[in-house]
N, C-alpha and C. Protein backbone atom coordinates (compact mmCIF):
# COMPACT_ATOMS: atom_id res chain seq x y z
N MET A 1 -6.11 2.44 34.95
CA MET A 1 -7.01 3.52 35.31
C MET A 1 -7.73 4.10 34.10
N PRO A 2 -7.08 4.50 33.00
CA PRO A 2 -7.82 5.06 31.90
C PRO A 2 -8.84 4.14 31.29
N GLY A 3 -8.68 2.82 31.50
CA GLY A 3 -9.69 1.88 30.94
C GLY A 3 -10.95 1.76 31.78
N GLU A 4 -10.92 2.29 33.02
CA GLU A 4 -12.12 2.23 33.84
C GLU A 4 -13.24 3.05 33.21
N ARG A 5 -14.46 2.68 33.46
CA ARG A 5 -15.59 3.39 32.87
C ARG A 5 -16.07 4.53 33.77
N TRP A 6 -16.30 4.25 35.05
CA TRP A 6 -16.88 5.25 35.94
C TRP A 6 -16.20 5.14 37.31
N LEU A 7 -16.16 6.22 37.98
CA LEU A 7 -15.62 6.24 39.35
C LEU A 7 -16.63 7.00 40.20
N ARG A 8 -17.03 6.38 41.29
CA ARG A 8 -17.99 7.08 42.18
C ARG A 8 -17.31 8.30 42.74
N ALA A 9 -18.03 9.39 42.77
CA ALA A 9 -17.49 10.64 43.26
C ALA A 9 -18.02 10.97 44.66
N ALA A 10 -17.46 10.33 45.65
CA ALA A 10 -17.76 10.61 47.05
C ALA A 10 -19.24 10.79 47.34
N GLY A 11 -20.06 9.89 46.84
CA GLY A 11 -21.48 9.95 47.13
C GLY A 11 -22.23 10.92 46.23
N GLU A 12 -21.56 11.62 45.36
CA GLU A 12 -22.22 12.59 44.47
C GLU A 12 -22.50 11.91 43.12
N GLY A 13 -22.54 12.66 42.07
CA GLY A 13 -22.74 12.12 40.74
C GLY A 13 -21.57 11.29 40.31
N LYS A 14 -21.46 11.02 39.07
CA LYS A 14 -20.35 10.18 38.58
C LYS A 14 -19.33 11.00 37.79
N LEU A 15 -18.11 10.67 37.99
CA LEU A 15 -17.01 11.25 37.24
C LEU A 15 -16.93 10.48 35.92
N ILE A 16 -16.89 11.17 34.82
CA ILE A 16 -16.75 10.53 33.52
C ILE A 16 -15.27 10.49 33.21
N LEU A 17 -14.72 9.31 33.16
CA LEU A 17 -13.28 9.13 32.92
C LEU A 17 -12.95 9.12 31.44
N ALA A 18 -11.73 9.48 31.15
CA ALA A 18 -11.23 9.33 29.77
C ALA A 18 -11.16 7.86 29.39
N ASP A 19 -11.44 7.57 28.17
CA ASP A 19 -11.38 6.21 27.65
C ASP A 19 -10.74 6.25 26.28
N LYS A 20 -9.44 6.57 26.25
CA LYS A 20 -8.72 6.75 24.99
C LYS A 20 -8.79 5.53 24.12
N GLN A 21 -9.04 5.79 22.84
CA GLN A 21 -9.08 4.72 21.84
C GLN A 21 -8.19 5.12 20.66
N LYS A 22 -7.15 4.35 20.41
CA LYS A 22 -6.18 4.68 19.34
C LYS A 22 -6.86 4.78 17.97
N TRP A 23 -7.76 3.85 17.66
CA TRP A 23 -8.39 3.85 16.34
C TRP A 23 -9.22 5.11 16.16
N PHE A 24 -9.93 5.53 17.24
CA PHE A 24 -10.76 6.72 17.14
C PHE A 24 -9.88 7.95 17.04
N ASN A 25 -8.78 7.98 17.77
CA ASN A 25 -7.87 9.11 17.72
C ASN A 25 -7.36 9.31 16.28
N LYS A 26 -6.97 8.24 15.62
CA LYS A 26 -6.48 8.34 14.23
C LYS A 26 -7.57 8.87 13.32
N LEU A 27 -8.75 8.35 13.44
CA LEU A 27 -9.87 8.80 12.61
C LEU A 27 -10.23 10.25 12.88
N PHE A 28 -10.31 10.61 14.16
CA PHE A 28 -10.69 11.98 14.51
C PHE A 28 -9.60 12.98 14.09
N TYR A 29 -8.33 12.59 14.21
CA TYR A 29 -7.25 13.45 13.80
C TYR A 29 -7.37 13.83 12.33
N LEU A 30 -7.65 12.84 11.50
CA LEU A 30 -7.80 13.11 10.06
C LEU A 30 -9.01 14.01 9.81
N TYR A 31 -10.11 13.76 10.47
CA TYR A 31 -11.31 14.60 10.35
C TYR A 31 -10.99 16.03 10.79
N ASN A 32 -10.40 16.19 11.91
CA ASN A 32 -10.08 17.52 12.46
C ASN A 32 -9.10 18.28 11.58
N LYS A 33 -8.06 17.58 11.11
CA LYS A 33 -7.01 18.22 10.33
C LYS A 33 -7.47 18.58 8.90
N HIS A 34 -8.18 17.66 8.26
CA HIS A 34 -8.49 17.87 6.85
C HIS A 34 -9.87 18.42 6.55
N TRP A 35 -10.78 18.39 7.53
CA TRP A 35 -12.11 18.90 7.24
C TRP A 35 -12.57 19.99 8.22
N LEU A 36 -12.54 19.67 9.51
CA LEU A 36 -13.12 20.60 10.48
C LEU A 36 -12.31 21.91 10.61
N LEU A 37 -11.03 21.82 10.96
CA LEU A 37 -10.25 23.03 11.14
C LEU A 37 -10.12 23.90 9.89
N PRO A 38 -9.83 23.30 8.72
CA PRO A 38 -9.70 24.14 7.52
C PRO A 38 -10.95 24.92 7.13
N ARG A 39 -12.11 24.43 7.57
CA ARG A 39 -13.36 25.15 7.28
C ARG A 39 -13.45 26.47 8.06
N PHE A 40 -12.76 26.56 9.20
CA PHE A 40 -12.90 27.72 10.06
C PHE A 40 -11.61 28.50 10.33
N PHE A 41 -10.45 27.91 9.98
CA PHE A 41 -9.17 28.59 10.25
C PHE A 41 -8.32 28.57 9.00
N HIS A 42 -7.70 29.72 8.72
CA HIS A 42 -6.78 29.78 7.58
C HIS A 42 -5.45 29.10 7.91
N SER A 43 -4.98 29.31 9.12
CA SER A 43 -3.76 28.65 9.58
C SER A 43 -3.77 28.52 11.10
N ILE A 44 -2.97 27.61 11.60
CA ILE A 44 -2.82 27.40 13.02
C ILE A 44 -1.33 27.26 13.31
N GLU A 45 -0.83 28.01 14.28
CA GLU A 45 0.58 27.97 14.60
C GLU A 45 0.76 27.70 16.10
N ALA A 46 1.76 26.95 16.44
CA ALA A 46 2.16 26.75 17.82
C ALA A 46 3.56 27.34 17.95
N VAL A 47 3.74 28.21 18.93
CA VAL A 47 5.02 28.86 19.14
C VAL A 47 5.59 28.37 20.48
N GLY A 48 6.80 27.88 20.46
CA GLY A 48 7.43 27.38 21.68
C GLY A 48 7.24 25.88 21.81
N PRO A 49 8.03 25.28 22.69
CA PRO A 49 7.94 23.83 22.85
C PRO A 49 6.62 23.44 23.57
N VAL A 50 6.10 22.31 23.21
CA VAL A 50 4.88 21.82 23.84
C VAL A 50 5.21 20.90 25.02
N ASP A 51 6.22 20.04 24.85
CA ASP A 51 6.55 19.06 25.89
C ASP A 51 7.54 19.59 26.90
N ALA A 52 7.39 19.12 28.11
CA ALA A 52 8.39 19.34 29.16
C ALA A 52 9.38 18.15 29.04
N GLU A 53 10.08 17.85 30.09
CA GLU A 53 10.99 16.71 30.07
C GLU A 53 10.19 15.43 29.88
N PRO A 54 10.73 14.46 29.15
CA PRO A 54 10.00 13.18 28.97
C PRO A 54 9.68 12.51 30.29
N GLY A 55 8.44 12.08 30.45
CA GLY A 55 8.00 11.37 31.64
C GLY A 55 7.72 12.30 32.82
N ALA A 56 7.91 13.60 32.64
CA ALA A 56 7.68 14.53 33.76
C ALA A 56 6.19 14.77 33.94
N SER A 57 5.83 15.08 35.15
CA SER A 57 4.46 15.43 35.45
C SER A 57 4.23 16.86 34.95
N VAL A 58 3.20 17.03 34.09
CA VAL A 58 2.98 18.34 33.48
C VAL A 58 1.53 18.73 33.60
N LEU A 59 1.30 19.99 33.94
CA LEU A 59 -0.01 20.58 33.99
C LEU A 59 0.01 21.79 33.07
N TYR A 60 -0.79 21.75 32.05
CA TYR A 60 -0.93 22.87 31.13
C TYR A 60 -2.14 23.67 31.55
N ILE A 61 -1.97 24.98 31.66
CA ILE A 61 -3.08 25.86 31.98
C ILE A 61 -3.25 26.86 30.83
N MET A 62 -4.49 26.98 30.40
CA MET A 62 -4.77 27.80 29.22
C MET A 62 -6.00 28.65 29.42
N ASN A 63 -5.93 29.89 28.87
CA ASN A 63 -7.15 30.71 28.90
C ASN A 63 -8.19 30.05 28.02
N HIS A 64 -9.45 30.33 28.31
CA HIS A 64 -10.54 29.64 27.62
C HIS A 64 -11.44 30.71 27.01
N CYS A 65 -11.19 31.01 25.73
CA CYS A 65 -11.91 32.10 25.09
C CYS A 65 -12.90 31.66 24.02
N SER A 66 -12.92 30.36 23.69
CA SER A 66 -13.91 29.89 22.73
C SER A 66 -14.07 28.39 22.80
N TRP A 67 -15.13 27.93 22.17
CA TRP A 67 -15.40 26.48 22.10
C TRP A 67 -14.29 25.74 21.40
N TRP A 68 -13.54 26.42 20.52
CA TRP A 68 -12.51 25.80 19.73
C TRP A 68 -11.25 25.44 20.52
N ASP A 69 -11.11 25.99 21.69
CA ASP A 69 -9.84 25.80 22.46
C ASP A 69 -9.42 24.34 22.58
N GLY A 70 -10.32 23.48 22.98
CA GLY A 70 -9.98 22.07 23.14
C GLY A 70 -9.55 21.43 21.84
N LEU A 71 -10.23 21.77 20.74
CA LEU A 71 -9.87 21.18 19.44
C LEU A 71 -8.52 21.70 18.95
N LEU A 72 -8.22 22.96 19.25
CA LEU A 72 -6.90 23.52 18.86
C LEU A 72 -5.79 22.89 19.71
N VAL A 73 -6.05 22.68 20.99
CA VAL A 73 -5.09 21.99 21.83
C VAL A 73 -4.87 20.58 21.30
N TYR A 74 -5.94 19.88 21.02
CA TYR A 74 -5.85 18.53 20.47
C TYR A 74 -4.95 18.51 19.22
N HIS A 75 -5.22 19.43 18.30
CA HIS A 75 -4.44 19.50 17.06
C HIS A 75 -2.96 19.75 17.35
N ALA A 76 -2.68 20.71 18.24
CA ALA A 76 -1.28 21.02 18.58
C ALA A 76 -0.58 19.84 19.24
N THR A 77 -1.25 19.19 20.14
CA THR A 77 -0.57 18.04 20.82
C THR A 77 -0.37 16.87 19.88
N GLN A 78 -1.25 16.68 18.94
CA GLN A 78 -1.08 15.58 17.97
C GLN A 78 0.10 15.84 17.04
N ASN A 79 0.34 17.12 16.74
CA ASN A 79 1.39 17.48 15.79
C ASN A 79 2.74 17.80 16.44
N CYS A 80 2.73 18.24 17.69
CA CYS A 80 3.95 18.78 18.28
C CYS A 80 4.37 18.11 19.59
N SER A 81 3.79 17.00 19.96
CA SER A 81 4.05 16.43 21.25
C SER A 81 4.15 14.89 21.20
N LEU A 82 4.98 14.37 22.08
CA LEU A 82 5.08 12.93 22.25
C LEU A 82 4.40 12.44 23.52
N ALA A 83 3.96 13.41 24.34
CA ALA A 83 3.35 13.08 25.63
C ALA A 83 1.94 12.52 25.46
N ASP A 84 1.45 11.92 26.49
CA ASP A 84 0.09 11.40 26.55
C ASP A 84 -0.80 12.44 27.25
N HIS A 85 -1.64 13.12 26.46
CA HIS A 85 -2.39 14.30 26.96
C HIS A 85 -3.83 13.94 27.34
N TYR A 86 -4.28 14.57 28.42
CA TYR A 86 -5.66 14.44 28.90
C TYR A 86 -6.19 15.85 29.17
N MET A 87 -7.50 16.00 29.09
CA MET A 87 -8.09 17.33 29.28
C MET A 87 -9.33 17.27 30.14
N MET A 88 -9.41 18.19 31.12
CA MET A 88 -10.58 18.29 31.95
C MET A 88 -11.66 19.06 31.18
N MET A 89 -12.89 18.53 31.21
CA MET A 89 -13.99 19.15 30.48
C MET A 89 -15.25 19.17 31.36
N ASP A 90 -16.03 20.21 31.23
CA ASP A 90 -17.27 20.31 32.00
C ASP A 90 -18.13 19.05 31.81
N ARG A 91 -18.63 18.51 32.88
CA ARG A 91 -19.40 17.26 32.82
C ARG A 91 -20.59 17.35 31.88
N GLU A 92 -21.33 18.43 31.94
CA GLU A 92 -22.50 18.60 31.07
C GLU A 92 -22.11 18.56 29.60
N GLN A 93 -21.01 19.24 29.27
CA GLN A 93 -20.52 19.25 27.89
C GLN A 93 -20.03 17.87 27.44
N LEU A 94 -19.31 17.21 28.35
CA LEU A 94 -18.82 15.88 28.00
C LEU A 94 -19.96 14.88 27.85
N THR A 95 -21.05 15.07 28.59
CA THR A 95 -22.21 14.23 28.40
C THR A 95 -22.85 14.46 27.04
N HIS A 96 -22.82 15.71 26.56
CA HIS A 96 -23.37 16.02 25.22
C HIS A 96 -22.44 15.57 24.10
N TYR A 97 -21.15 15.58 24.34
CA TYR A 97 -20.14 15.19 23.34
C TYR A 97 -19.27 14.06 23.89
N PRO A 98 -19.81 12.88 24.09
CA PRO A 98 -19.07 11.80 24.77
C PRO A 98 -17.87 11.27 23.96
N PHE A 99 -17.82 11.54 22.66
CA PHE A 99 -16.69 11.05 21.87
C PHE A 99 -15.37 11.69 22.31
N PHE A 100 -15.43 12.83 23.01
CA PHE A 100 -14.22 13.45 23.49
C PHE A 100 -13.50 12.57 24.52
N ARG A 101 -14.24 11.69 25.19
CA ARG A 101 -13.60 10.72 26.13
C ARG A 101 -12.58 9.87 25.40
N LYS A 102 -12.90 9.51 24.17
CA LYS A 102 -12.00 8.62 23.39
C LYS A 102 -10.70 9.36 23.00
N LEU A 103 -10.69 10.69 23.16
CA LEU A 103 -9.50 11.49 22.85
C LEU A 103 -8.75 11.91 24.11
N GLY A 104 -9.30 11.59 25.29
CA GLY A 104 -8.62 11.87 26.54
C GLY A 104 -9.31 12.89 27.44
N ALA A 105 -10.57 13.24 27.13
CA ALA A 105 -11.29 14.16 28.02
C ALA A 105 -11.91 13.41 29.19
N PHE A 106 -11.89 14.06 30.36
CA PHE A 106 -12.58 13.54 31.52
C PHE A 106 -13.34 14.71 32.14
N SER A 107 -14.33 14.39 32.95
CA SER A 107 -15.27 15.43 33.40
C SER A 107 -14.88 16.08 34.70
N ILE A 108 -15.47 17.27 34.90
CA ILE A 108 -15.51 17.91 36.20
C ILE A 108 -16.95 18.40 36.39
N ASP A 109 -17.49 18.05 37.54
CA ASP A 109 -18.82 18.52 37.93
C ASP A 109 -18.61 19.59 38.97
N LYS A 110 -18.67 20.86 38.53
CA LYS A 110 -18.40 21.98 39.42
C LYS A 110 -19.55 22.28 40.38
N SER A 111 -20.66 21.57 40.24
CA SER A 111 -21.80 21.83 41.09
C SER A 111 -21.72 21.10 42.44
N SER A 112 -20.74 20.20 42.61
CA SER A 112 -20.62 19.49 43.89
C SER A 112 -19.16 19.37 44.28
N LEU A 113 -18.94 19.47 45.58
CA LEU A 113 -17.58 19.31 46.11
C LEU A 113 -17.05 17.92 45.79
N GLY A 114 -17.91 16.90 45.89
CA GLY A 114 -17.49 15.53 45.57
C GLY A 114 -17.08 15.40 44.12
N GLY A 115 -17.80 16.04 43.22
CA GLY A 115 -17.48 16.01 41.81
C GLY A 115 -16.14 16.68 41.51
N ILE A 116 -15.89 17.81 42.16
CA ILE A 116 -14.64 18.52 41.98
C ILE A 116 -13.47 17.69 42.53
N THR A 117 -13.69 17.14 43.73
CA THR A 117 -12.63 16.33 44.37
C THR A 117 -12.28 15.11 43.53
N ALA A 118 -13.30 14.43 43.00
CA ALA A 118 -13.06 13.24 42.16
C ALA A 118 -12.25 13.61 40.92
N SER A 119 -12.59 14.72 40.29
CA SER A 119 -11.86 15.17 39.09
C SER A 119 -10.41 15.52 39.41
N LEU A 120 -10.21 16.20 40.52
CA LEU A 120 -8.82 16.56 40.92
C LEU A 120 -8.03 15.31 41.29
N ASP A 121 -8.69 14.33 41.95
CA ASP A 121 -8.01 13.07 42.28
C ASP A 121 -7.58 12.35 41.00
N TYR A 122 -8.49 12.31 40.02
CA TYR A 122 -8.18 11.64 38.77
C TYR A 122 -7.06 12.37 38.02
N ALA A 123 -7.15 13.69 37.96
CA ALA A 123 -6.09 14.48 37.27
C ALA A 123 -4.75 14.27 37.94
N SER A 124 -4.73 14.28 39.27
CA SER A 124 -3.45 14.11 39.98
C SER A 124 -2.89 12.71 39.77
N SER A 125 -3.77 11.70 39.68
CA SER A 125 -3.28 10.34 39.44
C SER A 125 -2.70 10.23 38.02
N LEU A 126 -3.29 10.91 37.07
CA LEU A 126 -2.75 10.91 35.71
C LEU A 126 -1.36 11.56 35.70
N MET A 127 -1.24 12.69 36.39
CA MET A 127 0.07 13.39 36.43
C MET A 127 1.14 12.56 37.13
N ARG A 128 0.75 11.84 38.18
CA ARG A 128 1.71 11.00 38.87
C ARG A 128 2.21 9.85 37.97
N GLN A 129 1.43 9.51 36.96
CA GLN A 129 1.82 8.47 36.01
C GLN A 129 2.59 9.05 34.83
N GLY A 130 2.94 10.32 34.88
CA GLY A 130 3.72 10.97 33.81
C GLY A 130 2.89 11.44 32.64
N ARG A 131 1.60 11.52 32.81
CA ARG A 131 0.74 11.97 31.74
C ARG A 131 0.55 13.50 31.86
N ALA A 132 0.25 14.13 30.73
CA ALA A 132 0.02 15.57 30.74
C ALA A 132 -1.46 15.88 30.87
N VAL A 133 -1.77 16.87 31.70
CA VAL A 133 -3.16 17.24 31.94
C VAL A 133 -3.34 18.71 31.58
N TRP A 134 -4.43 18.98 30.84
CA TRP A 134 -4.80 20.34 30.42
C TRP A 134 -5.99 20.81 31.23
N LEU A 135 -5.88 22.05 31.74
CA LEU A 135 -6.98 22.69 32.47
C LEU A 135 -7.23 24.07 31.86
N PHE A 136 -8.47 24.48 31.93
CA PHE A 136 -8.84 25.86 31.65
C PHE A 136 -9.24 26.46 32.99
N PRO A 137 -8.28 27.03 33.75
CA PRO A 137 -8.53 27.40 35.12
C PRO A 137 -9.52 28.52 35.33
N GLN A 138 -9.95 29.20 34.28
CA GLN A 138 -10.98 30.20 34.42
C GLN A 138 -12.30 29.53 34.78
N GLY A 139 -12.47 28.29 34.36
CA GLY A 139 -13.67 27.53 34.68
C GLY A 139 -14.83 27.80 33.78
N ALA A 140 -14.68 28.71 32.83
CA ALA A 140 -15.75 29.05 31.89
C ALA A 140 -15.12 29.77 30.68
N ILE A 141 -15.85 29.81 29.59
CA ILE A 141 -15.36 30.56 28.44
C ILE A 141 -15.51 32.05 28.75
N GLU A 142 -14.40 32.76 28.66
CA GLU A 142 -14.35 34.20 28.90
C GLU A 142 -13.69 34.89 27.73
N HIS A 143 -14.12 36.11 27.42
CA HIS A 143 -13.50 36.86 26.35
C HIS A 143 -12.01 37.01 26.67
N GLN A 144 -11.16 36.88 25.66
CA GLN A 144 -9.71 36.86 25.90
C GLN A 144 -9.16 38.20 26.40
N GLU A 145 -9.91 39.29 26.25
CA GLU A 145 -9.44 40.59 26.73
C GLU A 145 -10.01 40.95 28.08
N LYS A 146 -10.83 40.08 28.68
CA LYS A 146 -11.41 40.37 30.00
C LYS A 146 -10.31 40.39 31.05
N ARG A 147 -10.30 41.41 31.88
CA ARG A 147 -9.34 41.54 32.95
C ARG A 147 -10.12 41.90 34.20
N PRO A 148 -9.64 41.53 35.36
CA PRO A 148 -8.53 40.62 35.56
C PRO A 148 -8.93 39.17 35.24
N ILE A 149 -7.95 38.40 34.92
CA ILE A 149 -8.17 36.97 34.67
C ILE A 149 -8.28 36.30 36.05
N ALA A 150 -9.38 35.65 36.27
CA ALA A 150 -9.61 34.97 37.57
C ALA A 150 -9.55 33.45 37.36
N PHE A 151 -8.76 32.79 38.18
CA PHE A 151 -8.63 31.34 38.13
C PHE A 151 -9.45 30.73 39.27
N GLN A 152 -10.00 29.55 38.98
CA GLN A 152 -10.60 28.74 40.04
C GLN A 152 -9.44 28.12 40.83
N SER A 153 -9.72 27.51 41.94
CA SER A 153 -8.68 27.00 42.83
C SER A 153 -8.12 25.63 42.43
N GLY A 154 -8.58 25.03 41.37
CA GLY A 154 -8.14 23.67 41.00
C GLY A 154 -6.66 23.54 40.72
N VAL A 155 -6.05 24.57 40.12
CA VAL A 155 -4.61 24.50 39.82
C VAL A 155 -3.83 24.39 41.14
N GLY A 156 -4.17 25.20 42.10
CA GLY A 156 -3.47 25.16 43.38
C GLY A 156 -3.68 23.80 44.08
N ALA A 157 -4.85 23.29 44.01
CA ALA A 157 -5.14 21.99 44.64
C ALA A 157 -4.32 20.90 43.99
N LEU A 158 -4.22 20.94 42.64
CA LEU A 158 -3.41 19.91 41.95
C LEU A 158 -1.93 20.02 42.28
N LEU A 159 -1.44 21.27 42.39
CA LEU A 159 -0.05 21.46 42.70
C LEU A 159 0.29 21.04 44.15
N CYS A 160 -0.66 21.16 45.05
CA CYS A 160 -0.48 20.66 46.41
C CYS A 160 -0.35 19.13 46.40
N ARG A 161 -1.14 18.47 45.53
CA ARG A 161 -1.11 17.01 45.45
C ARG A 161 0.10 16.51 44.68
N CYS A 162 0.57 17.28 43.71
CA CYS A 162 1.69 16.88 42.87
C CYS A 162 2.70 18.03 42.80
N PRO A 163 3.44 18.29 43.90
CA PRO A 163 4.29 19.49 43.94
C PRO A 163 5.45 19.54 42.94
N GLN A 164 5.83 18.39 42.42
CA GLN A 164 6.96 18.36 41.47
C GLN A 164 6.49 18.60 40.02
N THR A 165 5.25 18.92 39.85
CA THR A 165 4.67 19.12 38.52
C THR A 165 5.17 20.37 37.86
N ALA A 166 5.53 20.26 36.57
CA ALA A 166 5.87 21.41 35.77
C ALA A 166 4.56 22.04 35.30
N VAL A 167 4.43 23.35 35.44
CA VAL A 167 3.24 24.06 34.98
C VAL A 167 3.63 24.85 33.73
N ILE A 168 2.92 24.61 32.67
CA ILE A 168 3.19 25.31 31.41
C ILE A 168 1.95 26.18 31.06
N PRO A 169 2.12 27.52 31.11
CA PRO A 169 1.00 28.35 30.71
C PRO A 169 0.89 28.44 29.21
N VAL A 170 -0.33 28.43 28.71
CA VAL A 170 -0.57 28.47 27.26
C VAL A 170 -1.60 29.57 27.03
N ALA A 171 -1.37 30.41 26.06
CA ALA A 171 -2.33 31.48 25.75
C ALA A 171 -2.77 31.38 24.29
N ARG A 172 -4.02 31.74 24.08
CA ARG A 172 -4.56 31.77 22.73
C ARG A 172 -5.04 33.16 22.47
């Protein structure tokens, strides 16, 4: 499944699937660790365990307060996890930054029910295979102090499809 290029989304647009590439991951990890992150962050810390039980279905949910969130998650998972991680990303953004596919990003098109359904189908199939999936359930970048925190319904839909999934909340 991860090697597939495109999946028709119920007559709607196309779901952009992850297309992980080990060589690109190694190259991007070095770029992210030694050049990109040090230019903007003094230090980065992860507190608490990142992985659930080995091979368990895991859904990570995280608040989304800046563009950096995905890159910080990527850095943390590369340094603190043995699991195979994937991340849902807005289709328009993934179209602008397609290299994220090579790191495990796949799209969600929130403008159509078919696009949402295709993304949730793909995410649930990844979780059934023991892969870890990251979501930003707010559905948009929101200031971290904004209250109340409102989640889109995707987390509930995924848990209905994969009820044995461990849910790990992550805050930044």
